[in-house]
N, C-alpha and C. Protein backbone atom coordinates (compact mmCIF):
# COMPACT_ATOMS: atom_id res chain seq x y z
N MET A 1 49.83 -71.38 14.90
CA MET A 1 50.88 -70.71 15.63
C MET A 1 51.00 -71.35 17.01
N GLU A 2 52.22 -71.58 17.43
CA GLU A 2 52.47 -72.24 18.71
C GLU A 2 52.60 -71.22 19.83
N HIS A 3 51.98 -71.51 20.98
CA HIS A 3 52.05 -70.64 22.14
C HIS A 3 53.29 -70.97 22.95
N THR A 4 54.08 -69.96 23.33
CA THR A 4 55.34 -70.21 24.05
C THR A 4 55.14 -70.33 25.56
N GLY A 5 53.99 -69.94 26.05
CA GLY A 5 53.74 -70.00 27.49
C GLY A 5 54.41 -68.87 28.25
N THR A 6 54.91 -67.87 27.53
CA THR A 6 55.56 -66.72 28.17
C THR A 6 54.53 -65.93 28.97
N LYS A 7 54.89 -65.57 30.19
CA LYS A 7 54.01 -64.75 31.02
C LYS A 7 54.61 -63.36 31.14
N TYR A 8 53.76 -62.37 31.08
CA TYR A 8 54.18 -60.98 31.20
C TYR A 8 53.71 -60.43 32.53
N GLU A 9 54.59 -59.65 33.15
CA GLU A 9 54.23 -59.02 34.42
C GLU A 9 53.80 -57.59 34.17
N SER A 10 52.74 -57.19 34.82
CA SER A 10 52.31 -55.80 34.75
C SER A 10 53.02 -55.02 35.84
N LYS A 11 53.63 -53.91 35.47
CA LYS A 11 54.37 -53.08 36.41
C LYS A 11 53.86 -51.65 36.34
N THR A 12 53.90 -50.97 37.49
CA THR A 12 53.60 -49.54 37.48
C THR A 12 54.78 -48.85 36.82
N PHE A 13 54.60 -47.61 36.42
CA PHE A 13 55.70 -46.86 35.80
C PHE A 13 56.89 -46.78 36.76
N ARG A 14 56.63 -46.50 38.02
CA ARG A 14 57.70 -46.39 39.02
C ARG A 14 58.47 -47.71 39.15
N GLU A 15 57.73 -48.83 39.22
CA GLU A 15 58.39 -50.14 39.31
C GLU A 15 59.24 -50.41 38.06
N HIS A 16 58.70 -50.06 36.91
CA HIS A 16 59.40 -50.28 35.66
C HIS A 16 60.70 -49.49 35.62
N VAL A 17 60.66 -48.23 36.03
CA VAL A 17 61.86 -47.40 36.03
C VAL A 17 62.90 -47.96 36.99
N ARG A 18 62.46 -48.36 38.17
CA ARG A 18 63.42 -48.89 39.16
C ARG A 18 64.02 -50.22 38.74
N LEU A 19 63.22 -51.10 38.15
CA LEU A 19 63.71 -52.42 37.77
C LEU A 19 64.46 -52.44 36.44
N ARG A 20 64.14 -51.51 35.56
CA ARG A 20 64.75 -51.48 34.24
C ARG A 20 65.32 -50.09 33.93
N SER A 21 66.08 -49.57 34.87
CA SER A 21 66.60 -48.21 34.74
C SER A 21 67.51 -48.03 33.52
N ASN A 22 68.16 -49.10 33.06
CA ASN A 22 69.02 -48.99 31.87
C ASN A 22 68.26 -48.45 30.66
N MET A 23 66.97 -48.75 30.57
CA MET A 23 66.17 -48.27 29.45
C MET A 23 66.00 -46.76 29.46
N TYR A 24 66.11 -46.17 30.64
CA TYR A 24 65.86 -44.73 30.80
C TYR A 24 67.14 -43.91 30.92
N ILE A 25 68.13 -44.43 31.63
CA ILE A 25 69.33 -43.63 31.90
C ILE A 25 70.62 -44.24 31.35
N GLY A 26 70.55 -45.46 30.86
CA GLY A 26 71.75 -46.11 30.35
C GLY A 26 72.37 -47.03 31.39
N SER A 27 73.48 -47.61 31.02
CA SER A 27 74.14 -48.61 31.86
C SER A 27 74.73 -48.01 33.13
N LYS A 28 74.61 -48.76 34.22
CA LYS A 28 75.22 -48.35 35.49
C LYS A 28 76.62 -48.95 35.64
N LYS A 29 77.03 -49.75 34.68
CA LYS A 29 78.38 -50.33 34.71
C LYS A 29 79.38 -49.30 34.20
N ALA A 30 80.57 -49.31 34.80
CA ALA A 30 81.60 -48.35 34.40
C ALA A 30 82.07 -48.64 32.98
N THR A 31 82.25 -47.58 32.22
CA THR A 31 82.76 -47.67 30.87
C THR A 31 83.92 -46.68 30.75
N GLU A 32 84.82 -46.91 29.83
CA GLU A 32 85.97 -46.03 29.68
C GLU A 32 85.84 -45.24 28.38
N ASN A 33 86.03 -43.95 28.49
CA ASN A 33 85.94 -43.05 27.33
C ASN A 33 87.02 -41.99 27.42
N SER A 34 87.40 -41.46 26.28
CA SER A 34 88.33 -40.35 26.21
C SER A 34 87.49 -39.06 26.14
N LEU A 35 87.64 -38.20 27.14
CA LEU A 35 86.84 -36.97 27.22
C LEU A 35 87.73 -35.76 27.47
N TRP A 36 87.20 -34.58 27.12
CA TRP A 36 87.89 -33.33 27.43
C TRP A 36 87.57 -32.96 28.88
N VAL A 37 88.62 -32.68 29.65
CA VAL A 37 88.49 -32.36 31.07
C VAL A 37 89.23 -31.05 31.34
N TYR A 38 88.61 -30.18 32.14
CA TYR A 38 89.23 -28.91 32.50
C TYR A 38 90.29 -29.14 33.57
N ASN A 39 91.50 -28.64 33.35
CA ASN A 39 92.59 -28.73 34.31
C ASN A 39 92.63 -27.46 35.14
N ASP A 40 92.34 -27.57 36.45
CA ASP A 40 92.32 -26.40 37.34
C ASP A 40 93.67 -25.72 37.44
N ILE A 41 94.74 -26.48 37.31
CA ILE A 41 96.09 -25.94 37.51
C ILE A 41 96.53 -25.04 36.36
N ASN A 42 96.37 -25.52 35.12
CA ASN A 42 96.83 -24.70 33.98
C ASN A 42 95.69 -23.98 33.26
N GLY A 43 94.45 -24.20 33.69
CA GLY A 43 93.32 -23.50 33.09
C GLY A 43 93.01 -23.91 31.66
N LYS A 44 93.40 -25.12 31.28
CA LYS A 44 93.18 -25.58 29.91
C LYS A 44 92.40 -26.89 29.89
N LEU A 45 91.79 -27.15 28.75
CA LEU A 45 91.12 -28.44 28.55
C LEU A 45 92.15 -29.46 28.10
N GLU A 46 92.05 -30.66 28.65
CA GLU A 46 92.96 -31.73 28.29
C GLU A 46 92.16 -33.00 28.01
N ARG A 47 92.64 -33.79 27.08
CA ARG A 47 92.00 -35.07 26.77
C ARG A 47 92.46 -36.10 27.81
N GLN A 48 91.48 -36.76 28.49
CA GLN A 48 91.82 -37.76 29.49
C GLN A 48 90.96 -39.00 29.29
N GLN A 49 91.51 -40.13 29.68
CA GLN A 49 90.80 -41.39 29.66
C GLN A 49 90.08 -41.51 31.00
N LEU A 50 88.74 -41.55 31.00
CA LEU A 50 87.97 -41.61 32.24
C LEU A 50 87.10 -42.86 32.26
N LYS A 51 86.90 -43.39 33.46
CA LYS A 51 86.04 -44.55 33.66
C LYS A 51 84.85 -44.08 34.51
N TYR A 52 83.63 -44.23 33.98
CA TYR A 52 82.44 -43.75 34.67
C TYR A 52 81.22 -44.48 34.12
N PRO A 53 80.12 -44.52 34.91
CA PRO A 53 78.89 -45.12 34.39
C PRO A 53 78.15 -44.13 33.49
N ILE A 54 77.72 -44.60 32.34
CA ILE A 54 76.96 -43.77 31.39
C ILE A 54 75.71 -43.20 32.07
N ALA A 55 75.10 -43.98 32.97
CA ALA A 55 73.88 -43.53 33.67
C ALA A 55 74.14 -42.23 34.43
N LEU A 56 75.27 -42.16 35.12
CA LEU A 56 75.61 -40.95 35.89
C LEU A 56 75.78 -39.76 34.96
N TYR A 57 76.47 -39.98 33.85
CA TYR A 57 76.65 -38.91 32.86
C TYR A 57 75.29 -38.43 32.34
N ASN A 58 74.41 -39.36 31.98
CA ASN A 58 73.11 -39.00 31.42
C ASN A 58 72.23 -38.26 32.42
N ILE A 59 72.29 -38.66 33.69
CA ILE A 59 71.50 -37.96 34.71
C ILE A 59 71.98 -36.52 34.87
N CYS A 60 73.30 -36.33 34.97
CA CYS A 60 73.85 -34.97 35.10
C CYS A 60 73.54 -34.14 33.87
N ASP A 61 73.68 -34.73 32.70
CA ASP A 61 73.39 -34.05 31.44
C ASP A 61 71.94 -33.57 31.41
N GLU A 62 71.01 -34.44 31.83
CA GLU A 62 69.59 -34.10 31.84
C GLU A 62 69.29 -32.92 32.77
N ILE A 63 69.90 -32.93 33.95
CA ILE A 63 69.68 -31.85 34.92
C ILE A 63 70.18 -30.52 34.37
N ILE A 64 71.37 -30.52 33.78
CA ILE A 64 71.94 -29.29 33.23
C ILE A 64 71.11 -28.80 32.04
N LEU A 65 70.70 -29.71 31.17
CA LEU A 65 69.87 -29.31 30.02
C LEU A 65 68.52 -28.75 30.45
N ASN A 66 67.93 -29.31 31.53
CA ASN A 66 66.67 -28.77 32.05
C ASN A 66 66.86 -27.33 32.54
N ALA A 67 67.98 -27.06 33.21
CA ALA A 67 68.26 -25.70 33.68
C ALA A 67 68.42 -24.74 32.50
N ILE A 68 69.13 -25.18 31.46
CA ILE A 68 69.31 -24.36 30.26
C ILE A 68 67.96 -24.11 29.58
N ASP A 69 67.15 -25.16 29.44
CA ASP A 69 65.82 -25.01 28.84
C ASP A 69 64.98 -23.99 29.61
N HIS A 70 65.08 -24.02 30.94
CA HIS A 70 64.31 -23.09 31.78
C HIS A 70 64.76 -21.65 31.50
N CYS A 71 66.06 -21.43 31.34
CA CYS A 71 66.56 -20.08 31.01
C CYS A 71 66.03 -19.63 29.65
N ILE A 72 66.04 -20.53 28.68
CA ILE A 72 65.54 -20.19 27.35
C ILE A 72 64.03 -19.91 27.39
N ARG A 73 63.29 -20.76 28.14
CA ARG A 73 61.83 -20.61 28.24
C ARG A 73 61.43 -19.29 28.89
N THR A 74 62.24 -18.79 29.83
CA THR A 74 61.89 -17.55 30.54
C THR A 74 62.65 -16.35 30.01
N ASN A 75 63.28 -16.50 28.87
CA ASN A 75 64.13 -15.46 28.29
C ASN A 75 63.44 -14.11 28.12
N LYS A 76 62.16 -14.12 27.77
CA LYS A 76 61.45 -12.87 27.49
C LYS A 76 60.80 -12.25 28.72
N LEU A 77 60.85 -12.97 29.86
CA LEU A 77 60.28 -12.42 31.10
C LEU A 77 61.16 -11.31 31.64
N LYS A 78 60.55 -10.44 32.41
CA LYS A 78 61.30 -9.39 33.09
C LYS A 78 61.07 -9.53 34.59
N GLY A 79 62.10 -9.29 35.38
CA GLY A 79 61.96 -9.33 36.84
C GLY A 79 61.88 -10.74 37.38
N LYS A 80 61.07 -10.88 38.45
CA LYS A 80 60.95 -12.17 39.13
C LYS A 80 60.46 -13.25 38.18
N GLY A 81 61.06 -14.42 38.27
CA GLY A 81 60.66 -15.53 37.43
C GLY A 81 61.60 -15.77 36.27
N LYS A 82 62.32 -14.72 35.83
CA LYS A 82 63.25 -14.89 34.72
C LYS A 82 64.50 -15.61 35.21
N CYS A 83 64.90 -16.62 34.48
CA CYS A 83 66.12 -17.36 34.79
C CYS A 83 67.26 -16.77 33.97
N ASP A 84 68.24 -16.20 34.66
CA ASP A 84 69.41 -15.67 33.94
C ASP A 84 70.73 -16.15 34.57
N THR A 85 70.64 -17.09 35.52
CA THR A 85 71.83 -17.60 36.18
C THR A 85 71.72 -19.11 36.37
N ILE A 86 72.77 -19.82 35.98
CA ILE A 86 72.89 -21.25 36.25
C ILE A 86 74.22 -21.45 36.96
N LYS A 87 74.19 -22.16 38.08
CA LYS A 87 75.42 -22.48 38.81
C LYS A 87 75.50 -24.00 38.96
N LEU A 88 76.67 -24.53 38.70
CA LEU A 88 76.90 -25.96 38.82
C LEU A 88 78.04 -26.16 39.81
N SER A 89 77.82 -27.00 40.81
CA SER A 89 78.90 -27.29 41.75
C SER A 89 79.03 -28.80 41.93
N LEU A 90 80.28 -29.23 42.01
CA LEU A 90 80.60 -30.64 42.17
C LEU A 90 81.41 -30.77 43.45
N ASP A 91 81.00 -31.66 44.33
CA ASP A 91 81.71 -31.87 45.58
C ASP A 91 82.46 -33.20 45.48
N LYS A 92 83.78 -33.14 45.39
CA LYS A 92 84.59 -34.34 45.23
C LYS A 92 84.52 -35.24 46.46
N LEU A 93 84.34 -34.65 47.65
CA LEU A 93 84.31 -35.45 48.88
C LEU A 93 83.03 -36.29 48.98
N THR A 94 81.88 -35.67 48.72
CA THR A 94 80.60 -36.38 48.86
C THR A 94 80.11 -36.98 47.55
N GLY A 95 80.68 -36.52 46.44
CA GLY A 95 80.24 -37.00 45.13
C GLY A 95 78.95 -36.35 44.67
N SER A 96 78.52 -35.29 45.36
CA SER A 96 77.25 -34.65 44.99
C SER A 96 77.44 -33.66 43.85
N VAL A 97 76.39 -33.56 43.05
CA VAL A 97 76.33 -32.62 41.94
C VAL A 97 75.12 -31.73 42.20
N VAL A 98 75.32 -30.42 42.23
CA VAL A 98 74.22 -29.49 42.48
C VAL A 98 74.12 -28.53 41.31
N CYS A 99 72.93 -28.43 40.76
CA CYS A 99 72.67 -27.50 39.67
C CYS A 99 71.61 -26.52 40.15
N TYR A 100 71.93 -25.24 40.09
CA TYR A 100 71.04 -24.17 40.56
C TYR A 100 70.69 -23.27 39.39
N ASN A 101 69.42 -22.88 39.31
CA ASN A 101 69.07 -21.79 38.41
C ASN A 101 68.10 -20.89 39.17
N ASN A 102 68.16 -19.59 38.88
CA ASN A 102 67.38 -18.63 39.66
C ASN A 102 65.98 -18.37 39.11
N GLY A 103 65.54 -19.16 38.16
CA GLY A 103 64.19 -18.99 37.63
C GLY A 103 63.14 -19.52 38.59
N GLU A 104 61.92 -19.06 38.40
CA GLU A 104 60.81 -19.54 39.22
C GLU A 104 60.55 -21.01 38.90
N GLY A 105 60.24 -21.79 39.90
CA GLY A 105 60.03 -23.22 39.72
C GLY A 105 58.77 -23.55 38.94
N ILE A 106 58.62 -24.81 38.63
CA ILE A 106 57.44 -25.32 37.93
C ILE A 106 56.50 -25.89 38.98
N ILE A 107 55.23 -25.54 38.90
CA ILE A 107 54.25 -26.02 39.87
C ILE A 107 53.97 -27.50 39.61
N ALA A 108 54.09 -28.30 40.65
CA ALA A 108 53.78 -29.74 40.56
C ALA A 108 52.74 -30.04 41.62
N GLU A 109 51.65 -30.66 41.21
CA GLU A 109 50.57 -30.99 42.15
C GLU A 109 50.29 -32.47 42.11
N LYS A 110 49.95 -33.02 43.27
CA LYS A 110 49.59 -34.42 43.36
C LYS A 110 48.16 -34.57 42.85
N ASN A 111 47.95 -35.52 41.94
CA ASN A 111 46.59 -35.73 41.43
C ASN A 111 45.89 -36.81 42.24
N ASP A 112 44.66 -37.11 41.91
CA ASP A 112 43.87 -38.07 42.69
C ASP A 112 44.40 -39.50 42.61
N LYS A 113 45.29 -39.80 41.67
CA LYS A 113 45.87 -41.14 41.56
C LYS A 113 47.17 -41.24 42.36
N GLY A 114 47.59 -40.16 42.99
CA GLY A 114 48.77 -40.17 43.82
C GLY A 114 50.06 -39.86 43.09
N SER A 115 49.97 -39.58 41.78
CA SER A 115 51.18 -39.23 41.04
C SER A 115 51.27 -37.73 40.85
N ILE A 116 52.44 -37.27 40.48
CA ILE A 116 52.67 -35.84 40.25
C ILE A 116 52.26 -35.48 38.84
N SER A 117 51.55 -34.37 38.71
CA SER A 117 51.17 -33.90 37.36
C SER A 117 51.57 -32.47 37.18
């Protein structure tokens, strides 16, 4: 068997995500798709041709699904800690997307290796 001389670089998980984000969130290049969009004026859904990066869609989708999962996970709780409200706001001026849920957060602690567990 012939050796190709290929060298592999070792990367931390953080470096890998930053350098090869397409593997995790999809393409950052704009793509065009036909999607259903809510029309504020007539209150109806309309099919529109939109141009957007798949990565942005996937990130927003993940955030919303995490909020929904949290509501389902805390469904049987009573009182504080139960998630029964999800609010989504989009700011056209700043381009920010905010997803809120009223459930108790998940505890994240820094471990001895410096990562979150």
